[in-house]
């Protein structure tokens, strides 16, 4: 975990924001009232990670590889005579 994220987590914890629900409740006014205006970017990134269930990836700067999309063949993609006609019984 990089030091900036560790510092953000520590500061939020010290201010009483120790659950996902409390972190998600932080808006600009709450951040201002709690002296967290410098951390708004980090707070927004953490809120997004919480909403997408990727907090560990956020903390560790991890990224999952995106699965490769493969085109599925459909009956309408097949050409007559290619041996794959639907309903042919040999």
PDB file of N, CA and C in Angstrom:
ATOM      1  N   UNK A   1       0.856  -1.170   0.000  1.00  0.00           N
ATOM      2  CA  UNK A   1       0.000   0.000   0.000  1.00  0.00           C
ATOM      3  C   UNK A   1       0.899   1.230   0.000  1.00  0.00           C
ATOM      4  N   UNK A   2       0.553   2.186  -0.856  1.00  0.00           N
ATOM      5  CA  UNK A   2       1.391   3.383  -0.869  1.00  0.00           C
ATOM      6  C   UNK A   2       1.086   4.260   0.344  1.00  0.00           C
ATOM      7  N   UNK A   3       2.038   5.128   0.654  1.00  0.00           N
ATOM      8  CA  UNK A   3       1.960   5.930   1.881  1.00  0.00           C
ATOM      9  C   UNK A   3       0.777   6.896   1.882  1.00  0.00           C
ATOM     10  N   UNK A   4       0.395   7.416   0.717  1.00  0.00           N
ATOM     11  CA  UNK A   4      -0.725   8.360   0.647  1.00  0.00           C
ATOM     12  C   UNK A   4      -2.033   7.677   1.043  1.00  0.00           C
ATOM     13  N   UNK A   5      -2.223   6.455   0.580  1.00  0.00           N
ATOM     14  CA  UNK A   5      -3.448   5.733   0.931  1.00  0.00           C
ATOM     15  C   UNK A   5      -3.438   5.341   2.401  1.00  0.00           C
ATOM     16  N   UNK A   6      -2.292   4.954   2.901  1.00  0.00           N
ATOM     17  CA  UNK A   6      -2.176   4.627   4.324  1.00  0.00           C
ATOM     18  C   UNK A   6      -2.492   5.854   5.181  1.00  0.00           C
ATOM     19  N   UNK A   7      -1.975   6.986   4.773  1.00  0.00           N
ATOM     20  CA  UNK A   7      -2.216   8.238   5.492  1.00  0.00           C
ATOM     21  C   UNK A   7      -3.709   8.606   5.460  1.00  0.00           C
ATOM     22  N   UNK A   8      -4.338   8.408   4.293  1.00  0.00           N
ATOM     23  CA  UNK A   8      -5.767   8.681   4.156  1.00  0.00           C
ATOM     24  C   UNK A   8      -6.576   7.792   5.089  1.00  0.00           C
ATOM     25  N   UNK A   9      -6.286   6.497   5.080  1.00  0.00           N
ATOM     26  CA  UNK A   9      -7.009   5.551   5.936  1.00  0.00           C
ATOM     27  C   UNK A   9      -6.813   5.897   7.409  1.00  0.00           C
ATOM     28  N   UNK A  10      -5.585   6.216   7.791  1.00  0.00           N
ATOM     29  CA  UNK A  10      -5.301   6.587   9.184  1.00  0.00           C
ATOM     30  C   UNK A  10      -6.066   7.844   9.588  1.00  0.00           C
ATOM     31  N   UNK A  11      -6.057   8.854   8.714  1.00  0.00           N
ATOM     32  CA  UNK A  11      -6.727  10.116   9.029  1.00  0.00           C
ATOM     33  C   UNK A  11      -8.240   9.922   9.131  1.00  0.00           C
ATOM     34  N   UNK A  12      -8.797   9.136   8.208  1.00  0.00           N
ATOM     35  CA  UNK A  12     -10.241   8.874   8.267  1.00  0.00           C
ATOM     36  C   UNK A  12     -10.601   8.137   9.554  1.00  0.00           C
ATOM     37  N   UNK A  13      -9.792   7.155   9.922  1.00  0.00           N
ATOM     38  CA  UNK A  13     -10.040   6.404  11.153  1.00  0.00           C
ATOM     39  C   UNK A  13      -9.988   7.286  12.387  1.00  0.00           C
ATOM     40  N   UNK A  14      -8.997   8.170  12.437  1.00  0.00           N
ATOM     41  CA  UNK A  14      -8.861   9.072  13.591  1.00  0.00           C
ATOM     42  C   UNK A  14     -10.028  10.046  13.691  1.00  0.00           C
ATOM     43  N   UNK A  15     -10.633  10.385  12.540  1.00  0.00           N
ATOM     44  CA  UNK A  15     -11.778  11.305  12.530  1.00  0.00           C
ATOM     45  C   UNK A  15     -13.100  10.572  12.770  1.00  0.00           C
ATOM     46  N   UNK A  16     -13.034   9.235  12.938  1.00  0.00           N
ATOM     47  CA  UNK A  16     -14.238   8.473  13.241  1.00  0.00           C
ATOM     48  C   UNK A  16     -14.879   7.791  12.043  1.00  0.00           C
ATOM     49  N   UNK A  17     -14.285   7.916  10.888  1.00  0.00           N
ATOM     50  CA  UNK A  17     -14.821   7.270   9.698  1.00  0.00           C
ATOM     51  C   UNK A  17     -14.178   5.890   9.580  1.00  0.00           C
ATOM     52  N   UNK A  18     -14.736   4.949  10.355  1.00  0.00           N
ATOM     53  CA  UNK A  18     -14.104   3.647  10.483  1.00  0.00           C
ATOM     54  C   UNK A  18     -14.904   2.498   9.865  1.00  0.00           C
ATOM     55  N   UNK A  19     -15.942   2.829   9.105  1.00  0.00           N
ATOM     56  CA  UNK A  19     -16.705   1.810   8.385  1.00  0.00           C
ATOM     57  C   UNK A  19     -16.974   2.304   6.959  1.00  0.00           C
ATOM     58  N   UNK A  20     -17.301   1.367   6.092  1.00  0.00           N
ATOM     59  CA  UNK A  20     -17.620   1.726   4.709  1.00  0.00           C
ATOM     60  C   UNK A  20     -18.819   2.671   4.656  1.00  0.00           C
ATOM     61  N   UNK A  21     -19.815   2.422   5.491  1.00  0.00           N
ATOM     62  CA  UNK A  21     -21.019   3.258   5.518  1.00  0.00           C
ATOM     63  C   UNK A  21     -20.669   4.700   5.883  1.00  0.00           C
ATOM     64  N   UNK A  22     -19.799   4.865   6.868  1.00  0.00           N
ATOM     65  CA  UNK A  22     -19.399   6.213   7.287  1.00  0.00           C
ATOM     66  C   UNK A  22     -18.572   6.907   6.208  1.00  0.00           C
ATOM     67  N   UNK A  23     -17.697   6.164   5.550  1.00  0.00           N
ATOM     68  CA  UNK A  23     -16.878   6.760   4.476  1.00  0.00           C
ATOM     69  C   UNK A  23     -17.775   7.174   3.318  1.00  0.00           C
ATOM     70  N   UNK A  24     -18.744   6.340   2.966  1.00  0.00           N
ATOM     71  CA  UNK A  24     -19.647   6.677   1.863  1.00  0.00           C
ATOM     72  C   UNK A  24     -20.533   7.869   2.185  1.00  0.00           C
ATOM     73  N   UNK A  25     -20.707   8.191   3.460  1.00  0.00           N
ATOM     74  CA  UNK A  25     -21.533   9.330   3.859  1.00  0.00           C
ATOM     75  C   UNK A  25     -20.778  10.656   3.780  1.00  0.00           C
ATOM     76  N   UNK A  26     -19.492  10.614   3.508  1.00  0.00           N
ATOM     77  CA  UNK A  26     -18.703  11.846   3.436  1.00  0.00           C
ATOM     78  C   UNK A  26     -19.049  12.580   2.138  1.00  0.00           C
ATOM     79  N   UNK A  27     -19.513  13.808   2.289  1.00  0.00           N
ATOM     80  CA  UNK A  27     -19.687  14.685   1.133  1.00  0.00           C
ATOM     81  C   UNK A  27     -18.782  15.899   1.335  1.00  0.00           C
ATOM     82  N   UNK A  28     -18.865  16.854   0.431  1.00  0.00           N
ATOM     83  CA  UNK A  28     -17.939  17.995   0.506  1.00  0.00           C
ATOM     84  C   UNK A  28     -18.081  18.759   1.820  1.00  0.00           C
ATOM     85  N   UNK A  29     -19.311  18.931   2.299  1.00  0.00           N
ATOM     86  CA  UNK A  29     -19.522  19.675   3.545  1.00  0.00           C
ATOM     87  C   UNK A  29     -18.942  18.911   4.733  1.00  0.00           C
ATOM     88  N   UNK A  30     -19.178  17.609   4.772  1.00  0.00           N
ATOM     89  CA  UNK A  30     -18.649  16.782   5.863  1.00  0.00           C
ATOM     90  C   UNK A  30     -17.120  16.797   5.835  1.00  0.00           C
ATOM     91  N   UNK A  31     -16.544  16.707   4.639  1.00  0.00           N
ATOM     92  CA  UNK A  31     -15.082  16.749   4.508  1.00  0.00           C
ATOM     93  C   UNK A  31     -14.554  18.086   5.016  1.00  0.00           C
ATOM     94  N   UNK A  32     -15.202  19.166   4.644  1.00  0.00           N
ATOM     95  CA  UNK A  32     -14.783  20.495   5.092  1.00  0.00           C
ATOM     96  C   UNK A  32     -14.890  20.615   6.604  1.00  0.00           C
ATOM     97  N   UNK A  33     -16.018  20.171   7.148  1.00  0.00           N
ATOM     98  CA  UNK A  33     -16.241  20.265   8.596  1.00  0.00           C
ATOM     99  C   UNK A  33     -15.238  19.443   9.399  1.00  0.00           C
ATOM    100  N   UNK A  34     -14.686  18.396   8.802  1.00  0.00           N
ATOM    101  CA  UNK A  34     -13.751  17.512   9.493  1.00  0.00           C
ATOM    102  C   UNK A  34     -12.298  17.740   9.085  1.00  0.00           C
ATOM    103  N   UNK A  35     -12.025  18.807   8.354  1.00  0.00           N
ATOM    104  CA  UNK A  35     -10.656  19.112   7.951  1.00  0.00           C
ATOM    105  C   UNK A  35     -10.082  18.115   6.960  1.00  0.00           C
ATOM    106  N   UNK A  36     -10.931  17.601   6.087  1.00  0.00           N
ATOM    107  CA  UNK A  36     -10.501  16.591   5.123  1.00  0.00           C
ATOM    108  C   UNK A  36     -10.532  17.090   3.678  1.00  0.00           C
ATOM    109  N   UNK A  37     -10.542  18.396   3.487  1.00  0.00           N
ATOM    110  CA  UNK A  37     -10.666  18.921   2.125  1.00  0.00           C
ATOM    111  C   UNK A  37      -9.475  18.536   1.238  1.00  0.00           C
ATOM    112  N   UNK A  38      -8.307  18.422   1.808  1.00  0.00           N
ATOM    113  CA  UNK A  38      -7.132  18.028   1.020  1.00  0.00           C
ATOM    114  C   UNK A  38      -7.204  16.562   0.590  1.00  0.00           C
ATOM    115  N   UNK A  39      -8.036  15.793   1.252  1.00  0.00           N
ATOM    116  CA  UNK A  39      -8.152  14.363   0.974  1.00  0.00           C
ATOM    117  C   UNK A  39      -9.347  14.015   0.095  1.00  0.00           C
ATOM    118  N   UNK A  40     -10.036  15.015  -0.457  1.00  0.00           N
ATOM    119  CA  UNK A  40     -11.254  14.748  -1.224  1.00  0.00           C
ATOM    120  C   UNK A  40     -11.033  13.775  -2.378  1.00  0.00           C
ATOM    121  N   UNK A  41      -9.945  13.930  -3.113  1.00  0.00           N
ATOM    122  CA  UNK A  41      -9.664  13.020  -4.227  1.00  0.00           C
ATOM    123  C   UNK A  41      -9.521  11.588  -3.757  1.00  0.00           C
ATOM    124  N   UNK A  42      -8.789  11.393  -2.686  1.00  0.00           N
ATOM    125  CA  UNK A  42      -8.624  10.057  -2.124  1.00  0.00           C
ATOM    126  C   UNK A  42      -9.915   9.500  -1.573  1.00  0.00           C
ATOM    127  N   UNK A  43     -10.717  10.361  -0.952  1.00  0.00           N
ATOM    128  CA  UNK A  43     -12.005   9.926  -0.407  1.00  0.00           C
ATOM    129  C   UNK A  43     -12.924   9.471  -1.539  1.00  0.00           C
ATOM    130  N   UNK A  44     -12.972  10.245  -2.618  1.00  0.00           N
ATOM    131  CA  UNK A  44     -13.818   9.863  -3.754  1.00  0.00           C
ATOM    132  C   UNK A  44     -13.372   8.539  -4.360  1.00  0.00           C
ATOM    133  N   UNK A  45     -12.063   8.340  -4.476  1.00  0.00           N
ATOM    134  CA  UNK A  45     -11.544   7.077  -5.010  1.00  0.00           C
ATOM    135  C   UNK A  45     -11.888   5.917  -4.080  1.00  0.00           C
ATOM    136  N   UNK A  46     -11.793   6.132  -2.780  1.00  0.00           N
ATOM    137  CA  UNK A  46     -12.136   5.099  -1.807  1.00  0.00           C
ATOM    138  C   UNK A  46     -13.632   4.795  -1.852  1.00  0.00           C
ATOM    139  N   UNK A  47     -14.468   5.830  -1.961  1.00  0.00           N
ATOM    140  CA  UNK A  47     -15.910   5.612  -2.060  1.00  0.00           C
ATOM    141  C   UNK A  47     -16.250   4.780  -3.295  1.00  0.00           C
ATOM    142  N   UNK A  48     -15.598   5.065  -4.408  1.00  0.00           N
ATOM    143  CA  UNK A  48     -15.829   4.292  -5.635  1.00  0.00           C
ATOM    144  C   UNK A  48     -15.410   2.839  -5.432  1.00  0.00           C
ATOM    145  N   UNK A  49     -14.273   2.628  -4.784  1.00  0.00           N
ATOM    146  CA  UNK A  49     -13.795   1.268  -4.515  1.00  0.00           C
ATOM    147  C   UNK A  49     -14.765   0.516  -3.610  1.00  0.00           C
ATOM    148  N   UNK A  50     -15.325   1.202  -2.636  1.00  0.00           N
ATOM    149  CA  UNK A  50     -16.298   0.574  -1.742  1.00  0.00           C
ATOM    150  C   UNK A  50     -17.541   0.165  -2.531  1.00  0.00           C
ATOM    151  N   UNK A  51     -18.021   1.057  -3.383  1.00  0.00           N
ATOM    152  CA  UNK A  51     -19.235   0.771  -4.156  1.00  0.00           C
ATOM    153  C   UNK A  51     -19.028  -0.363  -5.148  1.00  0.00           C
ATOM    154  N   UNK A  52     -17.823  -0.519  -5.660  1.00  0.00           N
ATOM    155  CA  UNK A  52     -17.552  -1.581  -6.634  1.00  0.00           C
ATOM    156  C   UNK A  52     -16.950  -2.818  -5.979  1.00  0.00           C
ATOM    157  N   UNK A  53     -16.936  -2.850  -4.659  1.00  0.00           N
ATOM    158  CA  UNK A  53     -16.409  -3.989  -3.895  1.00  0.00           C
ATOM    159  C   UNK A  53     -14.962  -4.305  -4.274  1.00  0.00           C
ATOM    160  N   UNK A  54     -14.163  -3.263  -4.396  1.00  0.00           N
ATOM    161  CA  UNK A  54     -12.758  -3.460  -4.774  1.00  0.00           C
ATOM    162  C   UNK A  54     -11.812  -2.676  -3.856  1.00  0.00           C
ATOM    163  N   UNK A  55     -12.097  -2.679  -2.568  1.00  0.00           N
ATOM    164  CA  UNK A  55     -11.285  -1.927  -1.614  1.00  0.00           C
ATOM    165  C   UNK A  55      -9.861  -2.466  -1.558  1.00  0.00           C
ATOM    166  N   UNK A  56      -9.719  -3.788  -1.546  1.00  0.00           N
ATOM    167  CA  UNK A  56      -8.372  -4.370  -1.485  1.00  0.00           C
ATOM    168  C   UNK A  56      -7.563  -3.966  -2.715  1.00  0.00           C
ATOM    169  N   UNK A  57      -8.176  -4.011  -3.882  1.00  0.00           N
ATOM    170  CA  UNK A  57      -7.488  -3.588  -5.108  1.00  0.00           C
ATOM    171  C   UNK A  57      -7.116  -2.110  -5.022  1.00  0.00           C
ATOM    172  N   UNK A  58      -8.003  -1.286  -4.461  1.00  0.00           N
ATOM    173  CA  UNK A  58      -7.707   0.135  -4.282  1.00  0.00           C
ATOM    174  C   UNK A  58      -6.481   0.321  -3.396  1.00  0.00           C
ATOM    175  N   UNK A  59      -6.457  -0.387  -2.273  1.00  0.00           N
ATOM    176  CA  UNK A  59      -5.353  -0.236  -1.334  1.00  0.00           C
ATOM    177  C   UNK A  59      -4.035  -0.736  -1.907  1.00  0.00           C
ATOM    178  N   UNK A  60      -4.090  -1.799  -2.687  1.00  0.00           N
ATOM    179  CA  UNK A  60      -2.876  -2.431  -3.195  1.00  0.00           C
ATOM    180  C   UNK A  60      -2.526  -1.993  -4.625  1.00  0.00           C
ATOM    181  N   UNK A  61      -3.267  -1.032  -5.167  1.00  0.00           N
ATOM    182  CA  UNK A  61      -3.066  -0.575  -6.557  1.00  0.00           C
ATOM    183  C   UNK A  61      -3.186  -1.736  -7.541  1.00  0.00           C
ATOM    184  N   UNK A  62      -4.056  -2.670  -7.234  1.00  0.00           N
ATOM    185  CA  UNK A  62      -4.229  -3.847  -8.089  1.00  0.00           C
ATOM    186  C   UNK A  62      -5.280  -3.631  -9.156  1.00  0.00           C
ATOM    187  N   UNK A  63      -5.101  -4.332 -10.253  1.00  0.00           N
ATOM    188  CA  UNK A  63      -6.047  -4.283 -11.357  1.00  0.00           C
ATOM    189  C   UNK A  63      -6.225  -5.701 -11.879  1.00  0.00           C
ATOM    190  N   UNK A  64      -7.457  -6.130 -11.990  1.00  0.00           N
ATOM    191  CA  UNK A  64      -7.726  -7.439 -12.578  1.00  0.00           C
ATOM    192  C   UNK A  64      -7.669  -7.334 -14.087  1.00  0.00           C
ATOM    193  N   UNK A  65      -7.125  -8.363 -14.697  1.00  0.00           N
ATOM    194  CA  UNK A  65      -7.103  -8.410 -16.152  1.00  0.00           C
ATOM    195  C   UNK A  65      -8.534  -8.552 -16.651  1.00  0.00           C
ATOM    196  N   UNK A  66      -8.847  -7.840 -17.717  1.00  0.00           N
ATOM    197  CA  UNK A  66     -10.179  -7.931 -18.288  1.00  0.00           C
ATOM    198  C   UNK A  66     -10.259  -9.198 -19.127  1.00  0.00           C
ATOM    199  N   UNK A  67     -11.345  -9.955 -18.974  1.00  0.00           N
ATOM    200  CA  UNK A  67     -11.464 -11.178 -19.758  1.00  0.00           C
ATOM    201  C   UNK A  67     -11.573 -10.864 -21.245  1.00  0.00           C
ATOM    202  N   UNK A  68     -10.966 -11.723 -22.027  1.00  0.00           N
ATOM    203  CA  UNK A  68     -11.005 -11.537 -23.472  1.00  0.00           C
ATOM    204  C   UNK A  68     -12.379 -11.950 -23.966  1.00  0.00           C
ATOM    205  N   UNK A  69     -13.008 -11.066 -24.739  1.00  0.00           N
ATOM    206  CA  UNK A  69     -14.334 -11.372 -25.265  1.00  0.00           C
ATOM    207  C   UNK A  69     -14.184 -12.136 -26.567  1.00  0.00           C
ATOM    208  N   UNK A  70     -14.889 -13.229 -26.659  1.00  0.00           N
ATOM    209  CA  UNK A  70     -14.883 -14.029 -27.871  1.00  0.00           C
ATOM    210  C   UNK A  70     -16.266 -13.951 -28.493  1.00  0.00           C
ATOM    211  N   UNK A  71     -16.270 -13.864 -29.811  1.00  0.00           N
ATOM    212  CA  UNK A  71     -17.551 -13.815 -30.499  1.00  0.00           C
ATOM    213  C   UNK A  71     -18.173 -15.199 -30.509  1.00  0.00           C
ATOM    214  N   UNK A  72     -19.431 -15.236 -30.193  1.00  0.00           N
ATOM    215  CA  UNK A  72     -20.166 -16.498 -30.233  1.00  0.00           C
ATOM    216  C   UNK A  72     -20.722 -16.684 -31.633  1.00  0.00           C
ATOM    217  N   UNK A  73     -20.699 -17.910 -32.114  1.00  0.00           N
ATOM    218  CA  UNK A  73     -21.284 -18.199 -33.419  1.00  0.00           C
ATOM    219  C   UNK A  73     -22.772 -18.460 -33.222  1.00  0.00           C
ATOM    220  N   UNK A  74     -23.537 -17.901 -34.101  1.00  0.00           N
ATOM    221  CA  UNK A  74     -24.978 -18.066 -34.071  1.00  0.00           C
ATOM    222  C   UNK A  74     -25.414 -18.761 -35.358  1.00  0.00           C
ATOM    223  N   UNK A  75     -26.591 -19.363 -35.334  1.00  0.00           N
ATOM    224  CA  UNK A  75     -27.106 -20.044 -36.518  1.00  0.00           C
ATOM    225  C   UNK A  75     -27.168 -19.112 -37.718  1.00  0.00           C
ATOM    226  N   UNK A  76     -27.493 -17.858 -37.495  1.00  0.00           N
ATOM    227  CA  UNK A  76     -27.600 -16.939 -38.629  1.00  0.00           C
ATOM    228  C   UNK A  76     -26.225 -16.573 -39.196  1.00  0.00           C
ATOM    229  N   UNK A  77     -25.139 -16.910 -38.497  1.00  0.00           N
ATOM    230  CA  UNK A  77     -23.783 -16.662 -38.992  1.00  0.00           C
ATOM    231  C   UNK A  77     -23.287 -17.775 -39.903  1.00  0.00           C
ATOM    232  N   UNK A  78     -23.960 -18.923 -39.882  1.00  0.00           N
ATOM    233  CA  UNK A  78     -23.496 -20.070 -40.649  1.00  0.00           C
ATOM    234  C   UNK A  78     -23.959 -19.958 -42.091  1.00  0.00           C
ATOM    235  N   UNK A  79     -23.152 -20.490 -42.969  1.00  0.00           N
ATOM    236  CA  UNK A  79     -23.461 -20.472 -44.394  1.00  0.00           C
ATOM    237  C   UNK A  79     -24.029 -21.828 -44.793  1.00  0.00           C
ATOM    238  N   UNK A  80     -24.974 -21.835 -45.734  1.00  0.00           N
ATOM    239  CA  UNK A  80     -25.507 -23.111 -46.204  1.00  0.00           C
ATOM    240  C   UNK A  80     -24.391 -23.967 -46.803  1.00  0.00           C
ATOM    241  N   UNK A  81     -24.431 -25.236 -46.489  1.00  0.00           N
ATOM    242  CA  UNK A  81     -23.458 -26.159 -47.052  1.00  0.00           C
ATOM    243  C   UNK A  81     -22.200 -26.313 -46.227  1.00  0.00           C
ATOM    244  N   UNK A  82     -22.111 -25.656 -45.074  1.00  0.00           N
ATOM    245  CA  UNK A  82     -20.885 -25.803 -44.271  1.00  0.00           C
ATOM    246  C   UNK A  82     -20.975 -26.981 -43.313  1.00  0.00           C
ATOM    247  N   UNK A  83     -22.093 -27.742 -43.393  1.00  0.00           N
ATOM    248  CA  UNK A  83     -22.240 -28.931 -42.557  1.00  0.00           C
ATOM    249  C   UNK A  83     -22.782 -28.642 -41.181  1.00  0.00           C
ATOM    250  N   UNK A  84     -23.130 -27.403 -40.918  1.00  0.00           N
ATOM    251  CA  UNK A  84     -23.615 -27.038 -39.590  1.00  0.00           C
ATOM    252  C   UNK A  84     -25.048 -26.548 -39.611  1.00  0.00           C
ATOM    253  N   UNK A  85     -25.799 -26.916 -40.644  1.00  0.00           N
ATOM    254  CA  UNK A  85     -27.172 -26.442 -40.707  1.00  0.00           C
ATOM    255  C   UNK A  85     -27.971 -27.066 -39.574  1.00  0.00           C
ATOM    256  N   UNK A  86     -28.768 -26.267 -38.954  1.00  0.00           N
ATOM    257  CA  UNK A  86     -29.618 -26.765 -37.862  1.00  0.00           C
ATOM    258  C   UNK A  86     -30.725 -27.624 -38.456  1.00  0.00           C
ATOM    259  N   UNK A  87     -31.013 -28.714 -37.810  1.00  0.00           N
ATOM    260  CA  UNK A  87     -32.118 -29.568 -38.223  1.00  0.00           C
ATOM    261  C   UNK A  87     -31.740 -30.639 -39.220  1.00  0.00           C
ATOM    262  N   UNK A  88     -30.537 -30.662 -39.742  1.00  0.00           N
ATOM    263  CA  UNK A  88     -30.142 -31.728 -40.671  1.00  0.00           C
ATOM    264  C   UNK A  88     -29.830 -32.985 -39.899  1.00  0.00           C
ATOM    265  N   UNK A  89     -30.381 -34.061 -40.336  1.00  0.00           N
ATOM    266  CA  UNK A  89     -30.102 -35.343 -39.713  1.00  0.00           C
ATOM    267  C   UNK A  89     -29.423 -36.207 -40.767  1.00  0.00           C
ATOM    268  N   UNK A  90     -28.286 -36.745 -40.459  1.00  0.00           N
ATOM    269  CA  UNK A  90     -27.514 -37.555 -41.431  1.00  0.00           C
ATOM    270  C   UNK A  90     -27.522 -38.999 -41.063  1.00  0.00           C
TER     271      UNK A  90
END
